[in-house]
Amino acid sequence: MDKCTGCSLCVKACPLNAIKMEDVSPVPEGKRPRKKAVIDLDACTLCSACVPSCRPGAIEISHEKVEVEGKSSFKGIWVFAEQREGKIQSVAYELLTEGKKLAADLNVELSAVLCGDSSIEDEVEHLFAYGADKVYLATHAELKHYHTAPYTRAIAEMIKKFKPEIVLIGATTLGRDLAARLAIRVGAGLTADCTSLAIDPQKKILLQTRPAFGGNIMATIQTPNHRPQMSTVRPKVFKKSKVQTPKPKDGNLIKFSPVITPEDLTVKLLQIIEDETVKVNLAEAEIVVSGGRGLGEAKNFKLIEELAAVLGGAVGASRATVDAGWISAHHQVGQTGKTVSPKLYIACGISGKIQHLAGMQSSETIVAINKDPEAPIFKVASYGIMADLFEVVPQLTKKIKELRA
């Protein structure tokens, strides 16, 4: 602060009132008393708001590069194998398939991490079938069903002990909750909702690509200074496929008994209540019929439900209809909803903004029904029907019923 002239501009710029003007003491002989800026380091958050306001350049903020000690000791790729009701979820197999490619580029092992009670070991063979070289199995009665603290405790202990360089987690409701807590616990860098993963050929670090600024650009993020590198990936972003020669279970299954403390059990799971309104798992459905704002009002979702029923598919919805309260959020498809990749996706009255396209554009066949010829949905549609959905959808439902009679 030797350059400080006492102009007090930084005081006005500080949003936290962390800067005050104090008298310079002692006053040099022959000089007038003056003031200088003093920063309260306990109140300062290093937001940098004061730096551009300081014309003499008396305030500087330098950034220190912090790296994990022994970074080279972190090896291998881990996939968190999410399970519900004792069954591994499809997103785990999708991540194992993609993880196999990343592991080959790094020439490291691919491992799956599975948590549950003692009965979960029956699921281990499926993880080897989808490419896991090793499976880390954490068993405890409190891990039978997911709740944040015990799972975070168990996986954090394993990460600290076995030191993977990359950890991949599905961007499900459960996975997002776990990843955030886990990243803080182990001091990892975390990139959420990735749509693409790759290995930098020179630096040998993970390149994590995800939508940014409302989906208008794609940002590729690196975590060069922290280990492990962590990403959450939406279900259905990657395809799952079994390997031809899976590793045998013997010798490749590492069992781990986590220490669950009373502090981890302050929240107890009392009961699991299934949503009876969700008849078909939207993320796993091979046919999805979605409705948008073009339906006009909530009661018209009956048209979508009838078409989905005759096709044996699931009902989807745009964010606008969910926000309007026309349908449950369980049905939302898009950047802030579910990502789907069915064999057939029928979009009824959906304009096709980029946020919605992010959740369904990987579908094999897309049929768009919209009376607006400029609707963006037509740009990704395999087949476009430029017509009033109130005329087309009932006719389509009727015709399918006749064909199946």
Protein backbone atom coordinates (compact mmCIF):
# COMPACT_ATOMS: atom_id res chain seq x y z
CA MET A 1 0.00 0.00 0.00
CA ASP A 2 3.05 2.33 -0.29
CA LYS A 3 1.60 3.74 -3.53
CA CYS A 4 -1.70 4.66 -1.85
CA THR A 5 -2.61 8.35 -2.28
CA GLY A 6 -5.62 8.25 0.04
CA CYS A 7 -8.15 8.88 -2.75
CA SER A 8 -10.64 6.45 -1.09
CA LEU A 9 -12.02 5.18 -4.43
CA CYS A 10 -11.35 1.60 -3.32
CA VAL A 11 -13.56 2.13 -0.24
CA LYS A 12 -16.52 2.95 -2.48
CA ALA A 13 -15.79 -0.02 -4.77
CA CYS A 14 -15.61 -2.66 -1.99
CA PRO A 15 -19.00 -4.44 -1.68
CA LEU A 16 -18.04 -5.94 1.70
CA ASN A 17 -16.89 -2.78 3.51
CA ALA A 18 -13.55 -4.49 4.03
CA ILE A 19 -11.51 -1.33 3.26
CA LYS A 20 -11.22 1.66 5.58
CA MET A 21 -9.20 4.86 5.49
CA GLU A 22 -6.80 5.33 8.40
CA ASP A 23 -4.35 8.07 9.35
CA VAL A 24 -0.75 7.58 8.31
CA SER A 25 1.34 7.49 11.47
CA PRO A 26 3.82 8.92 12.24
CA VAL A 27 3.44 11.98 10.01
CA PRO A 28 6.73 12.75 8.23
CA GLU A 29 8.30 16.03 9.32
CA GLY A 30 7.16 18.93 7.23
CA LYS A 31 4.29 16.94 5.71
CA ARG A 32 0.55 17.32 6.17
CA PRO A 33 -1.36 14.46 7.88
CA ARG A 34 -2.89 12.12 5.31
CA LYS A 35 -4.85 8.88 5.16
CA LYS A 36 -4.28 5.55 3.45
CA ALA A 37 -6.45 2.55 2.67
CA VAL A 38 -6.22 -0.46 5.00
CA ILE A 39 -7.76 -3.81 4.00
CA ASP A 40 -9.39 -6.04 6.64
CA LEU A 41 -8.08 -9.44 5.48
CA ASP A 42 -10.62 -11.29 7.62
CA ALA A 43 -13.51 -9.62 5.79
CA CYS A 44 -11.93 -9.58 2.31
CA THR A 45 -13.01 -12.38 -0.05
CA LEU A 46 -10.51 -11.48 -2.82
CA CYS A 47 -13.36 -10.56 -5.17
CA SER A 48 -11.03 -8.05 -6.92
CA ALA A 49 -13.66 -5.30 -7.14
CA CYS A 50 -11.21 -2.82 -5.65
CA VAL A 51 -8.33 -3.49 -8.07
CA PRO A 52 -9.60 -1.59 -11.14
CA SER A 53 -10.74 1.34 -8.97
CA CYS A 54 -7.21 1.96 -7.66
CA ARG A 55 -5.65 4.41 -10.13
CA PRO A 56 -2.13 4.44 -8.58
CA GLY A 57 -2.01 0.62 -8.74
CA ALA A 58 -1.54 0.29 -4.98
CA ILE A 59 -3.77 -2.80 -4.74
CA GLU A 60 -2.65 -6.04 -6.35
CA ILE A 61 -4.00 -9.57 -6.04
CA SER A 62 -1.69 -12.40 -7.05
CA HIS A 63 -2.86 -15.98 -7.56
CA GLU A 64 -0.78 -18.81 -6.23
CA LYS A 65 -0.79 -22.05 -8.20
CA VAL A 66 -1.63 -24.93 -5.86
CA GLU A 67 -0.97 -28.50 -6.92
CA VAL A 68 -1.73 -31.80 -5.28
CA GLU A 69 1.31 -33.36 -3.69
CA GLY A 70 2.28 -36.65 -5.28
CA LYS A 71 -0.03 -36.09 -8.26
CA SER A 72 1.83 -38.75 -10.24
CA SER A 73 0.77 -41.38 -7.68
CA PHE A 74 -2.87 -41.11 -8.84
CA LYS A 75 -3.55 -43.80 -11.45
CA GLY A 76 -6.58 -45.32 -13.12
CA ILE A 77 -10.16 -44.43 -13.95
CA TRP A 78 -13.09 -45.10 -11.62
CA VAL A 79 -16.78 -45.24 -12.48
CA PHE A 80 -19.33 -44.94 -9.67
CA ALA A 81 -21.82 -47.77 -10.22
CA GLU A 82 -25.10 -46.27 -9.06
CA GLN A 83 -27.57 -48.83 -7.76
CA ARG A 84 -31.19 -48.55 -6.74
CA GLU A 85 -33.09 -51.30 -4.98
CA GLY A 86 -30.07 -53.57 -5.42
CA LYS A 87 -29.88 -53.14 -9.21
CA ILE A 88 -27.10 -51.28 -11.02
CA GLN A 89 -28.44 -48.43 -13.13
CA SER A 90 -27.85 -48.21 -16.87
CA VAL A 91 -25.79 -45.01 -16.59
CA ALA A 92 -23.02 -47.02 -14.87
CA TYR A 93 -22.69 -49.29 -17.90
CA GLU A 94 -22.69 -46.29 -20.23
CA LEU A 95 -19.82 -44.73 -18.26
CA LEU A 96 -17.90 -48.00 -18.21
CA THR A 97 -18.15 -48.23 -21.99
CA GLU A 98 -16.82 -44.70 -22.42
CA GLY A 99 -14.33 -45.15 -19.58
CA LYS A 100 -12.81 -48.10 -21.42
CA LYS A 101 -11.81 -45.78 -24.28
CA LEU A 102 -10.32 -43.21 -21.90
CA ALA A 103 -8.42 -45.92 -20.01
CA ALA A 104 -6.94 -47.19 -23.29
CA ASP A 105 -5.73 -43.67 -24.17
CA LEU A 106 -4.04 -43.39 -20.75
CA ASN A 107 -2.93 -47.04 -20.65
CA VAL A 108 -4.44 -47.49 -17.18
CA GLU A 109 -7.00 -49.75 -15.54
CA LEU A 110 -10.73 -49.09 -15.53
CA SER A 111 -12.48 -49.79 -12.23
CA ALA A 112 -16.04 -49.66 -10.96
CA VAL A 113 -17.01 -48.60 -7.43
CA LEU A 114 -20.10 -50.29 -6.02
CA CYS A 115 -21.71 -49.59 -2.65
CA GLY A 116 -24.48 -51.52 -0.92
CA ASP A 117 -25.22 -54.12 1.72
CA SER A 118 -23.91 -57.68 1.54
CA SER A 119 -26.46 -58.73 -1.11
CA ILE A 120 -25.11 -56.26 -3.69
CA GLU A 121 -22.19 -58.57 -4.52
CA ASP A 122 -24.56 -60.46 -6.85
CA GLU A 123 -24.39 -57.46 -9.22
CA VAL A 124 -20.59 -57.41 -9.51
CA GLU A 125 -20.40 -59.72 -12.53
CA HIS A 126 -22.38 -57.22 -14.62
CA LEU A 127 -19.68 -54.58 -14.07
CA PHE A 128 -16.99 -56.91 -15.40
CA ALA A 129 -19.25 -57.70 -18.37
CA TYR A 130 -19.25 -54.01 -19.35
CA GLY A 131 -15.50 -53.59 -19.18
CA ALA A 132 -14.37 -53.09 -15.59
CA ASP A 133 -10.85 -54.40 -14.96
CA LYS A 134 -11.44 -54.17 -11.21
CA VAL A 135 -14.41 -53.65 -8.93
CA TYR A 136 -14.08 -51.91 -5.57
CA LEU A 137 -16.94 -53.18 -3.41
CA ALA A 138 -17.92 -51.27 -0.25
CA THR A 139 -20.47 -53.09 1.88
CA HIS A 140 -22.27 -51.88 4.98
CA ALA A 141 -25.85 -52.07 6.19
CA GLU A 142 -26.13 -48.26 5.91
CA LEU A 143 -25.16 -48.40 2.22
CA LYS A 144 -28.13 -50.50 1.12
CA HIS A 145 -29.98 -47.36 0.02
CA TYR A 146 -28.33 -44.11 -0.97
CA HIS A 147 -28.05 -41.26 1.44
CA THR A 148 -25.38 -38.64 1.20
CA ALA A 149 -23.14 -38.85 4.25
CA PRO A 150 -22.46 -42.62 4.43
CA TYR A 151 -21.82 -42.85 0.68
CA THR A 152 -19.53 -39.83 0.77
CA ARG A 153 -17.62 -41.29 3.72
CA ALA A 154 -17.16 -44.68 2.07
CA ILE A 155 -16.07 -43.47 -1.37
CA ALA A 156 -13.85 -40.69 0.00
CA GLU A 157 -12.01 -43.28 2.10
CA MET A 158 -11.47 -45.44 -0.97
CA ILE A 159 -10.26 -42.52 -3.09
CA LYS A 160 -7.74 -41.49 -0.45
CA LYS A 161 -6.48 -45.05 -0.13
CA PHE A 162 -6.37 -46.19 -3.77
CA LYS A 163 -5.89 -42.79 -5.53
CA PRO A 164 -7.67 -42.87 -8.90
CA GLU A 165 -6.77 -40.05 -11.31
CA ILE A 166 -10.28 -39.80 -12.81
CA VAL A 167 -13.70 -40.44 -11.24
CA LEU A 168 -16.85 -40.52 -13.40
CA ILE A 169 -20.35 -40.29 -11.91
CA GLY A 170 -23.76 -40.28 -13.59
CA ALA A 171 -25.49 -36.89 -13.53
CA THR A 172 -28.63 -38.31 -11.95
CA THR A 173 -30.36 -36.81 -8.93
CA LEU A 174 -28.36 -39.19 -6.77
CA GLY A 175 -25.08 -38.72 -8.66
CA ARG A 176 -25.20 -34.94 -8.59
CA ASP A 177 -25.75 -34.96 -4.85
CA LEU A 178 -22.86 -37.35 -4.27
CA ALA A 179 -20.38 -35.73 -6.67
CA ALA A 180 -20.59 -32.25 -5.14
CA ARG A 181 -20.09 -33.52 -1.59
CA LEU A 182 -17.35 -35.93 -2.64
CA ALA A 183 -15.37 -33.32 -4.59
CA ILE A 184 -15.17 -31.08 -1.53
CA ARG A 185 -14.25 -34.00 0.74
CA VAL A 186 -11.27 -35.13 -1.38
CA GLY A 187 -10.28 -31.72 -2.79
CA ALA A 188 -11.03 -32.64 -6.39
CA GLY A 189 -11.90 -30.56 -9.43
CA LEU A 190 -15.47 -31.28 -10.59
CA THR A 191 -17.14 -30.56 -13.93
CA ALA A 192 -20.90 -31.16 -14.01
CA ASP A 193 -23.22 -32.39 -16.78
CA CYS A 194 -20.54 -33.30 -19.32
CA THR A 195 -21.61 -34.31 -22.82
CA SER A 196 -18.18 -35.37 -24.07
CA LEU A 197 -14.98 -36.73 -22.52
CA ALA A 198 -11.52 -37.14 -24.04
CA ILE A 199 -7.86 -37.37 -23.07
CA ASP A 200 -5.44 -34.63 -24.08
CA PRO A 201 -2.77 -36.53 -26.05
CA GLN A 202 0.10 -34.33 -24.83
CA LYS A 203 -0.84 -33.47 -21.25
CA LYS A 204 -2.61 -36.80 -20.58
CA ILE A 205 -5.37 -35.05 -18.63
CA LEU A 206 -9.14 -35.28 -18.95
CA LEU A 207 -10.91 -32.90 -21.34
CA GLN A 208 -14.44 -32.36 -20.05
CA THR A 209 -16.92 -30.74 -22.45
CA ARG A 210 -20.26 -29.38 -21.29
CA PRO A 211 -22.86 -26.80 -22.41
CA ALA A 212 -22.38 -23.28 -21.05
CA PHE A 213 -24.28 -19.97 -21.17
CA GLY A 214 -27.65 -21.65 -21.47
CA GLY A 215 -26.40 -24.20 -23.97
CA ASN A 216 -25.30 -21.56 -26.49
CA ILE A 217 -21.65 -22.64 -26.43
CA MET A 218 -19.74 -25.79 -25.54
CA ALA A 219 -16.94 -25.31 -22.99
CA THR A 220 -14.05 -27.74 -22.59
CA ILE A 221 -12.72 -27.75 -19.03
CA GLN A 222 -9.45 -29.13 -17.67
CA THR A 223 -8.37 -29.85 -14.11
CA PRO A 224 -4.57 -29.85 -14.34
CA ASN A 225 -3.67 -29.21 -10.70
CA HIS A 226 -6.00 -31.41 -8.65
CA ARG A 227 -6.59 -35.13 -8.35
CA PRO A 228 -8.79 -36.91 -8.90
CA GLN A 229 -10.39 -35.22 -11.90
CA MET A 230 -14.14 -35.65 -11.48
CA SER A 231 -17.00 -35.42 -13.96
CA THR A 232 -20.71 -36.06 -13.87
CA VAL A 233 -22.21 -37.26 -17.15
CA ARG A 234 -25.89 -37.34 -18.06
CA PRO A 235 -27.56 -40.69 -18.70
CA LYS A 236 -27.92 -41.61 -22.38
CA VAL A 237 -25.06 -39.37 -23.50
CA PHE A 238 -22.94 -42.47 -24.20
CA LYS A 239 -24.00 -45.84 -25.57
CA LYS A 240 -23.42 -48.93 -23.47
CA SER A 241 -21.92 -52.12 -24.87
CA LYS A 242 -20.61 -55.33 -23.35
CA VAL A 243 -17.01 -56.43 -23.86
CA GLN A 244 -16.16 -59.68 -25.62
CA THR A 245 -13.75 -60.97 -22.98
CA PRO A 246 -14.65 -59.63 -19.52
CA LYS A 247 -12.14 -59.91 -16.70
CA PRO A 248 -12.80 -62.74 -14.24
CA LYS A 249 -14.14 -61.83 -10.83
CA ASP A 250 -11.45 -63.74 -8.94
CA GLY A 251 -8.52 -61.52 -8.04
CA ASN A 252 -10.13 -58.41 -9.51
CA LEU A 253 -12.69 -57.80 -6.77
CA ILE A 254 -11.39 -55.59 -3.97
CA LYS A 255 -13.64 -55.59 -0.91
CA PHE A 256 -13.67 -52.60 1.39
CA SER A 257 -15.34 -52.12 4.76
CA PRO A 258 -15.91 -48.39 5.37
CA VAL A 259 -16.04 -46.91 8.86
CA ILE A 260 -19.45 -45.23 9.18
CA THR A 261 -19.52 -42.86 12.15
CA PRO A 262 -22.54 -41.63 14.17
CA GLU A 263 -22.03 -38.21 12.56
CA ASP A 264 -22.77 -39.82 9.18
CA LEU A 265 -26.15 -41.04 10.45
CA THR A 266 -27.72 -37.78 11.60
CA VAL A 267 -30.13 -38.17 8.69
CA LYS A 268 -31.96 -41.50 8.56
CA LEU A 269 -33.85 -43.00 5.66
CA LEU A 270 -37.27 -43.97 6.99
CA GLN A 271 -39.18 -45.01 3.88
CA ILE A 272 -38.93 -45.09 0.09
CA ILE A 273 -42.14 -44.13 -1.70
CA GLU A 274 -42.34 -44.80 -5.42
CA ASP A 275 -44.06 -42.26 -7.67
CA GLU A 276 -47.09 -44.21 -8.89
CA THR A 277 -47.79 -41.69 -11.65
CA VAL A 278 -44.64 -42.67 -13.55
CA LYS A 279 -45.66 -45.79 -15.45
CA VAL A 280 -42.64 -46.01 -17.77
CA ASN A 281 -39.03 -45.12 -17.01
CA LEU A 282 -38.52 -42.12 -19.30
CA ALA A 283 -34.74 -42.45 -19.50
CA GLU A 284 -34.95 -46.13 -20.48
CA ALA A 285 -37.98 -45.96 -22.82
CA GLU A 286 -37.48 -46.96 -26.46
CA ILE A 287 -40.37 -44.70 -27.55
CA VAL A 288 -41.00 -41.22 -26.11
CA VAL A 289 -43.92 -38.93 -27.02
CA SER A 290 -43.38 -35.39 -25.72
CA GLY A 291 -45.70 -32.41 -25.48
CA GLY A 292 -44.83 -28.74 -25.47
CA ARG A 293 -46.41 -25.34 -25.04
CA GLY A 294 -48.33 -25.92 -28.28
CA LEU A 295 -50.74 -28.10 -26.28
CA GLY A 296 -52.25 -24.89 -24.88
CA GLU A 297 -53.27 -26.22 -21.46
CA ALA A 298 -52.72 -29.10 -19.05
CA LYS A 299 -55.79 -31.16 -20.01
CA ASN A 300 -54.50 -31.57 -23.55
CA PHE A 301 -51.65 -33.77 -22.33
CA LYS A 302 -54.29 -36.50 -22.57
CA LEU A 303 -53.57 -36.55 -26.32
CA ILE A 304 -49.89 -37.22 -25.63
CA GLU A 305 -50.67 -39.89 -23.04
CA GLU A 306 -53.03 -41.72 -25.42
CA LEU A 307 -50.48 -41.79 -28.25
CA ALA A 308 -47.73 -42.94 -25.89
CA ALA A 309 -49.99 -45.68 -24.55
CA VAL A 310 -50.81 -47.19 -27.94
CA LEU A 311 -47.12 -47.11 -28.86
CA GLY A 312 -46.04 -48.60 -25.53
CA GLY A 313 -43.88 -45.57 -24.86
CA ALA A 314 -43.28 -42.94 -22.19
CA VAL A 315 -44.63 -39.40 -21.89
CA GLY A 316 -42.13 -36.58 -22.10
CA ALA A 317 -42.53 -32.82 -21.77
CA SER A 318 -40.76 -29.54 -22.41
CA ARG A 319 -39.60 -27.35 -19.56
CA ALA A 320 -42.24 -24.72 -20.36
CA THR A 321 -45.06 -27.19 -19.66
CA VAL A 322 -43.46 -28.34 -16.40
CA ASP A 323 -42.91 -24.75 -15.26
CA ALA A 324 -46.55 -24.02 -16.07
CA GLY A 325 -47.62 -26.88 -13.80
CA TRP A 326 -49.23 -28.88 -16.59
CA ILE A 327 -47.27 -32.06 -15.83
CA SER A 328 -44.84 -33.47 -13.25
CA ALA A 329 -41.12 -32.68 -13.50
CA HIS A 330 -40.50 -36.45 -13.80
CA HIS A 331 -41.46 -36.07 -17.47
CA GLN A 332 -39.18 -33.14 -18.35
CA VAL A 333 -36.76 -33.70 -21.24
CA GLY A 334 -33.91 -31.29 -21.83
CA GLN A 335 -30.84 -29.64 -20.39
CA THR A 336 -32.45 -29.21 -16.96
CA GLY A 337 -34.50 -32.40 -17.22
CA LYS A 338 -33.75 -35.92 -18.40
CA THR A 339 -31.59 -36.91 -21.35
CA VAL A 340 -33.25 -39.55 -23.50
CA SER A 341 -32.07 -41.53 -26.50
CA PRO A 342 -35.00 -43.68 -27.65
CA LYS A 343 -35.46 -45.42 -30.97
CA LEU A 344 -38.40 -43.07 -31.65
CA TYR A 345 -38.99 -39.57 -30.28
CA ILE A 346 -42.20 -37.74 -31.23
CA ALA A 347 -42.23 -34.02 -30.40
CA CYS A 348 -45.72 -32.51 -30.39
CA GLY A 349 -46.04 -28.74 -30.20
CA ILE A 350 -42.40 -28.30 -29.12
CA SER A 351 -40.49 -25.46 -30.79
CA GLY A 352 -37.11 -27.08 -30.17
CA LYS A 353 -35.02 -24.58 -28.27
CA ILE A 354 -31.43 -25.63 -27.70
CA GLN A 355 -32.10 -26.53 -24.06
CA HIS A 356 -34.68 -29.13 -25.14
CA LEU A 357 -32.56 -30.41 -28.02
CA ALA A 358 -29.73 -31.11 -25.58
CA GLY A 359 -31.89 -33.77 -23.96
CA MET A 360 -33.19 -35.65 -27.02
CA GLN A 361 -31.20 -34.98 -30.19
CA SER A 362 -29.33 -38.31 -29.94
CA SER A 363 -32.62 -40.19 -30.52
CA GLU A 364 -32.46 -42.60 -33.47
CA THR A 365 -35.60 -41.27 -35.20
CA ILE A 366 -37.21 -37.89 -34.42
CA VAL A 367 -40.70 -36.98 -35.61
CA ALA A 368 -41.69 -33.34 -35.15
CA ILE A 369 -45.31 -32.14 -35.27
CA ASN A 370 -45.58 -28.35 -35.32
CA LYS A 371 -47.55 -25.79 -37.32
CA ASP A 372 -44.69 -23.25 -37.23
CA PRO A 373 -42.50 -23.80 -40.32
CA GLU A 374 -39.63 -21.92 -38.63
CA ALA A 375 -39.58 -24.12 -35.49
CA PRO A 376 -35.97 -25.19 -34.72
CA ILE A 377 -37.17 -28.74 -33.99
CA PHE A 378 -37.45 -29.35 -37.75
CA LYS A 379 -33.67 -28.91 -38.12
CA VAL A 380 -32.99 -32.08 -36.11
CA ALA A 381 -36.10 -34.03 -37.08
CA SER A 382 -35.91 -37.16 -39.22
CA TYR A 383 -39.50 -36.50 -40.28
CA GLY A 384 -41.39 -33.22 -39.97
CA ILE A 385 -45.16 -32.78 -40.00
CA MET A 386 -46.07 -29.11 -40.43
CA ALA A 387 -49.64 -29.23 -39.18
CA ASP A 388 -51.89 -28.64 -36.18
CA LEU A 389 -51.09 -31.26 -33.52
CA PHE A 390 -54.76 -31.33 -32.48
CA GLU A 391 -55.56 -32.78 -35.89
CA VAL A 392 -52.52 -35.00 -36.41
CA VAL A 393 -52.07 -36.64 -33.00
CA PRO A 394 -55.65 -38.02 -32.64
CA GLN A 395 -55.52 -39.35 -36.23
CA LEU A 396 -52.15 -40.96 -35.56
CA THR A 397 -53.42 -42.57 -32.36
CA LYS A 398 -56.54 -43.85 -34.14
CA LYS A 399 -54.56 -45.32 -37.04
CA ILE A 400 -52.11 -47.15 -34.75
CA LYS A 401 -55.01 -48.62 -32.78
CA GLU A 402 -56.54 -49.89 -36.03
CA LEU A 403 -53.25 -51.44 -37.17
CA ARG A 404 -52.82 -53.19 -33.83
CA ALA A 405 -56.42 -54.37 -33.53
